[in-house]
C-alpha atoms as a PDB file:
ATOM      1  CA  UNK A   1      45.263 -84.332 -15.284  1.00  0.00           C
ATOM      2  CA  UNK A   2      42.192 -83.860 -13.137  1.00  0.00           C
ATOM      3  CA  UNK A   3      38.493 -83.666 -13.792  1.00  0.00           C
ATOM      4  CA  UNK A   4      35.217 -83.674 -11.926  1.00  0.00           C
ATOM      5  CA  UNK A   5      31.518 -83.972 -12.624  1.00  0.00           C
ATOM      6  CA  UNK A   6      29.114 -82.127 -10.317  1.00  0.00           C
ATOM      7  CA  UNK A   7      25.815 -83.623  -9.184  1.00  0.00           C
ATOM      8  CA  UNK A   8      23.707 -80.445  -9.286  1.00  0.00           C
ATOM      9  CA  UNK A   9      21.301 -81.717  -6.614  1.00  0.00           C
ATOM     10  CA  UNK A  10      23.953 -82.127  -3.917  1.00  0.00           C
ATOM     11  CA  UNK A  11      26.735 -79.949  -5.394  1.00  0.00           C
ATOM     12  CA  UNK A  12      29.143 -82.838  -4.716  1.00  0.00           C
ATOM     13  CA  UNK A  13      31.496 -83.783  -7.541  1.00  0.00           C
ATOM     14  CA  UNK A  14      32.889 -87.141  -8.601  1.00  0.00           C
ATOM     15  CA  UNK A  15      36.610 -86.403  -8.981  1.00  0.00           C
ATOM     16  CA  UNK A  16      39.343 -88.266 -10.859  1.00  0.00           C
ATOM     17  CA  UNK A  17      43.079 -87.811 -11.277  1.00  0.00           C
ATOM     18  CA  UNK A  18      45.451 -89.321 -13.817  1.00  0.00           C
ATOM     19  CA  UNK A  19      49.226 -89.149 -13.449  1.00  0.00           C
ATOM     20  CA  UNK A  20      51.559 -90.815 -15.939  1.00  0.00           C
ATOM     21  CA  UNK A  21      53.234 -93.821 -14.249  1.00  0.00           C
ATOM     22  CA  UNK A  22      56.668 -92.292 -14.872  1.00  0.00           C
ATOM     23  CA  UNK A  23      55.649 -89.315 -12.678  1.00  0.00           C
ATOM     24  CA  UNK A  24      53.785 -91.150  -9.923  1.00  0.00           C
ATOM     25  CA  UNK A  25      55.213 -90.598  -6.454  1.00  0.00           C
ATOM     26  CA  UNK A  26      56.484 -87.113  -7.312  1.00  0.00           C
ATOM     27  CA  UNK A  27      53.637 -85.257  -5.600  1.00  0.00           C
ATOM     28  CA  UNK A  28      51.709 -84.371  -8.747  1.00  0.00           C
ATOM     29  CA  UNK A  29      48.439 -85.958  -7.558  1.00  0.00           C
ATOM     30  CA  UNK A  30      48.650 -83.991  -4.306  1.00  0.00           C
ATOM     31  CA  UNK A  31      49.206 -80.766  -6.253  1.00  0.00           C
ATOM     32  CA  UNK A  32      46.330 -81.592  -8.613  1.00  0.00           C
ATOM     33  CA  UNK A  33      44.061 -82.362  -5.678  1.00  0.00           C
ATOM     34  CA  UNK A  34      44.887 -79.092  -3.919  1.00  0.00           C
ATOM     35  CA  UNK A  35      44.350 -76.997  -7.049  1.00  0.00           C
ATOM     36  CA  UNK A  36      41.198 -78.844  -8.124  1.00  0.00           C
ATOM     37  CA  UNK A  37      39.775 -78.428  -4.624  1.00  0.00           C
ATOM     38  CA  UNK A  38      40.445 -74.675  -4.720  1.00  0.00           C
ATOM     39  CA  UNK A  39      38.798 -74.356  -8.120  1.00  0.00           C
ATOM     40  CA  UNK A  40      35.783 -76.478  -7.175  1.00  0.00           C
ATOM     41  CA  UNK A  41      35.198 -74.604  -3.917  1.00  0.00           C
ATOM     42  CA  UNK A  42      35.335 -71.278  -5.726  1.00  0.00           C
ATOM     43  CA  UNK A  43      32.605 -72.577  -8.041  1.00  0.00           C
ATOM     44  CA  UNK A  44      30.210 -73.711  -5.320  1.00  0.00           C
ATOM     45  CA  UNK A  45      31.123 -77.403  -5.072  1.00  0.00           C
ATOM     46  CA  UNK A  46      30.529 -78.677  -1.506  1.00  0.00           C
ATOM     47  CA  UNK A  47      32.775 -81.755  -1.698  1.00  0.00           C
ATOM     48  CA  UNK A  48      34.210 -84.605  -3.750  1.00  0.00           C
ATOM     49  CA  UNK A  49      33.522 -88.295  -4.065  1.00  0.00           C
ATOM     50  CA  UNK A  50      35.801 -90.891  -5.623  1.00  0.00           C
ATOM     51  CA  UNK A  51      36.162 -94.648  -6.002  1.00  0.00           C
ATOM     52  CA  UNK A  52      39.693 -95.787  -5.157  1.00  0.00           C
ATOM     53  CA  UNK A  53      41.060 -99.307  -5.409  1.00  0.00           C
ATOM     54  CA  UNK A  54      42.244-100.651  -2.065  1.00  0.00           C
ATOM     55  CA  UNK A  55      45.619-101.364  -3.688  1.00  0.00           C
ATOM     56  CA  UNK A  56      46.061 -97.720  -4.748  1.00  0.00           C
ATOM     57  CA  UNK A  57      47.777 -96.645  -1.534  1.00  0.00           C
ATOM     58  CA  UNK A  58      49.243 -93.519  -3.117  1.00  0.00           C
ATOM     59  CA  UNK A  59      45.851 -92.138  -4.093  1.00  0.00           C
ATOM     60  CA  UNK A  60      44.406 -92.928  -0.676  1.00  0.00           C
ATOM     61  CA  UNK A  61      47.255 -90.891   0.869  1.00  0.00           C
ATOM     62  CA  UNK A  62      46.369 -87.955  -1.378  1.00  0.00           C
ATOM     63  CA  UNK A  63      42.839 -87.895   0.039  1.00  0.00           C
ATOM     64  CA  UNK A  64      43.636 -88.682   3.683  1.00  0.00           C
ATOM     65  CA  UNK A  65      44.967 -86.162   6.149  1.00  0.00           C
ATOM     66  CA  UNK A  66      44.349 -83.095   4.022  1.00  0.00           C
ATOM     67  CA  UNK A  67      43.168 -79.938   5.710  1.00  0.00           C
ATOM     68  CA  UNK A  68      39.952 -78.437   4.464  1.00  0.00           C
ATOM     69  CA  UNK A  69      37.687 -81.457   4.217  1.00  0.00           C
ATOM     70  CA  UNK A  70      36.102 -84.178   6.298  1.00  0.00           C
ATOM     71  CA  UNK A  71      36.731 -87.609   4.815  1.00  0.00           C
ATOM     72  CA  UNK A  72      34.721 -90.817   5.040  1.00  0.00           C
ATOM     73  CA  UNK A  73      35.941 -93.958   3.241  1.00  0.00           C
ATOM     74  CA  UNK A  74      33.860 -97.125   3.031  1.00  0.00           C
ATOM     75  CA  UNK A  75      35.456-100.324   1.723  1.00  0.00           C
ATOM     76  CA  UNK A  76      33.432-102.771  -0.336  1.00  0.00           C
ATOM     77  CA  UNK A  77      34.768-105.502  -2.631  1.00  0.00           C
ATOM     78  CA  UNK A  78      38.283-104.041  -2.685  1.00  0.00           C
ATOM     79  CA  UNK A  79      37.154-100.509  -3.591  1.00  0.00           C
ATOM     80  CA  UNK A  80      36.974 -97.538  -1.244  1.00  0.00           C
ATOM     81  CA  UNK A  81      34.079 -95.186  -1.788  1.00  0.00           C
ATOM     82  CA  UNK A  82      35.621 -91.944  -0.590  1.00  0.00           C
ATOM     83  CA  UNK A  83      33.532 -88.882   0.264  1.00  0.00           C
ATOM     84  CA  UNK A  84      35.214 -85.579   1.140  1.00  0.00           C
ATOM     85  CA  UNK A  85      33.035 -82.684   2.275  1.00  0.00           C
ATOM     86  CA  UNK A  86      34.796 -79.329   2.280  1.00  0.00           C
ATOM     87  CA  UNK A  87      35.026 -77.486   5.594  1.00  0.00           C
ATOM     88  CA  UNK A  88      35.508 -73.828   6.446  1.00  0.00           C
ATOM     89  CA  UNK A  89      39.093 -74.622   7.430  1.00  0.00           C
ATOM     90  CA  UNK A  90      39.901 -75.130   3.736  1.00  0.00           C
ATOM     91  CA  UNK A  91      38.699 -71.646   2.882  1.00  0.00           C
ATOM     92  CA  UNK A  92      41.472 -70.208   5.051  1.00  0.00           C
ATOM     93  CA  UNK A  93      44.084 -71.632   2.675  1.00  0.00           C
ATOM     94  CA  UNK A  94      42.749 -69.592  -0.251  1.00  0.00           C
ATOM     95  CA  UNK A  95      40.279 -70.395  -2.970  1.00  0.00           C
ATOM     96  CA  UNK A  96      41.386 -68.620  -6.125  1.00  0.00           C
ATOM     97  CA  UNK A  97      39.028 -68.450  -9.083  1.00  0.00           C
ATOM     98  CA  UNK A  98      41.475 -69.551 -11.770  1.00  0.00           C
ATOM     99  CA  UNK A  99      40.947 -72.672 -13.883  1.00  0.00           C
ATOM    100  CA  UNK A 100      41.956 -76.184 -12.781  1.00  0.00           C
ATOM    101  CA  UNK A 101      45.482 -77.497 -13.201  1.00  0.00           C
END
């Protein structure tokens, strides 16, 4: 599942994903991230932020190296504060207006 909460001042959303441990590593978080990004962009969200444990390598991979957003990750006390601002390049991949996954 995925969810986000938008800060109306900045139009940046705190995003979270939850994948059952039995399904982790199957690409579901990547699919959720792609679909949630499309939905958020189509609703005026400018980017995402997330706190990711340093040990959660899989989730860090989901956020890193994705087209369509600039990523900054700052590490403090074993937790990455990740900030992803959407770019115009992401709009080229399509931004449907359907609900989130």
